[in-house]
């Protein structure tokens, strides 16, 4: 029996991220997901939206069919 696993190359928040500290955020996603760690990746509100910024994932946790992402926002794209 296998475990379903999704491979992701960007963080899609859908507005559900929570701020832990100044630029540190936590986000819970349903299912088991794998993300690159310690390299800059794109952050978007929805998959179709423009980039909100760039983040570096510091830690991933899997448990109870949920992935918890701890990431640091390293750049923010302002809307002009």
Protein backbone atom coordinates (compact mmCIF):
# COMPACT_ATOMS: atom_id res chain seq x y z
CA UNK A 1 0.00 0.00 0.00
CA UNK A 2 1.42 3.37 -1.01
CA UNK A 3 1.30 6.84 0.47
CA UNK A 4 -0.01 9.63 -1.81
CA UNK A 5 2.66 12.33 -2.15
CA UNK A 6 2.52 15.61 -4.04
CA UNK A 7 5.68 17.39 -5.23
CA UNK A 8 5.45 21.22 -5.11
CA UNK A 9 7.77 23.93 -6.42
CA UNK A 10 5.89 26.98 -5.08
CA UNK A 11 3.96 27.88 -1.95
CA UNK A 12 0.26 28.62 -2.56
CA UNK A 13 -1.19 30.16 0.61
CA UNK A 14 -4.87 30.79 -0.26
CA UNK A 15 -4.68 33.33 2.57
CA UNK A 16 -4.34 30.63 5.25
CA UNK A 17 -0.80 31.39 6.39
CA UNK A 18 -0.14 32.51 9.97
CA UNK A 19 2.67 34.81 11.04
CA UNK A 20 4.91 33.41 13.78
CA UNK A 21 7.41 36.24 13.90
CA UNK A 22 8.48 39.21 11.76
CA UNK A 23 9.10 37.30 8.49
CA UNK A 24 8.41 33.75 9.70
CA UNK A 25 5.19 32.02 8.69
CA UNK A 26 3.46 28.68 9.17
CA UNK A 27 1.05 27.10 6.70
CA UNK A 28 -0.87 23.83 6.92
CA UNK A 29 -1.77 22.01 3.70
CA UNK A 30 -3.97 18.95 3.35
CA UNK A 31 -2.19 15.76 2.28
CA UNK A 32 1.47 14.86 2.15
CA UNK A 33 3.52 17.35 0.13
CA UNK A 34 7.21 17.66 -0.57
CA UNK A 35 8.86 21.07 -1.11
CA UNK A 36 12.45 22.14 -1.73
CA UNK A 37 14.10 23.26 1.51
CA UNK A 38 16.73 26.01 1.98
CA UNK A 39 16.36 27.48 -1.52
CA UNK A 40 14.23 30.48 -2.60
CA UNK A 41 10.82 29.55 -4.04
CA UNK A 42 7.82 31.54 -5.25
CA UNK A 43 4.93 32.42 -2.91
CA UNK A 44 1.48 33.02 -4.40
CA UNK A 45 -1.96 33.59 -2.92
CA UNK A 46 -3.55 31.35 -5.60
CA UNK A 47 -1.94 29.21 -8.26
CA UNK A 48 -3.16 31.62 -10.98
CA UNK A 49 -2.14 34.86 -9.22
CA UNK A 50 1.06 36.82 -9.66
CA UNK A 51 3.93 36.15 -7.29
CA UNK A 52 3.54 37.70 -3.83
CA UNK A 53 7.20 37.23 -3.00
CA UNK A 54 9.97 34.73 -2.39
CA UNK A 55 10.40 32.46 0.62
CA UNK A 56 12.82 29.89 1.97
CA UNK A 57 11.25 26.85 3.60
CA UNK A 58 13.08 26.06 6.80
CA UNK A 59 11.14 23.03 8.00
CA UNK A 60 8.41 20.58 6.90
CA UNK A 61 6.36 18.35 9.17
CA UNK A 62 4.11 15.48 8.06
CA UNK A 63 1.41 14.02 10.25
CA UNK A 64 -2.24 12.96 10.16
CA UNK A 65 -2.44 13.50 6.38
CA UNK A 66 -1.29 17.12 6.77
CA UNK A 67 1.88 18.95 5.75
CA UNK A 68 2.99 21.87 7.93
CA UNK A 69 5.36 24.33 6.27
CA UNK A 70 7.57 26.74 8.23
CA UNK A 71 8.98 29.40 5.91
CA UNK A 72 10.75 32.74 5.98
CA UNK A 73 9.65 35.43 3.55
CA UNK A 74 12.85 36.87 2.06
CA UNK A 75 11.33 39.29 -0.46
CA UNK A 76 7.90 40.80 -0.97
CA UNK A 77 6.54 42.03 -4.30
CA UNK A 78 4.56 45.21 -3.77
CA UNK A 79 1.50 46.04 -5.82
CA UNK A 80 1.83 49.39 -7.67
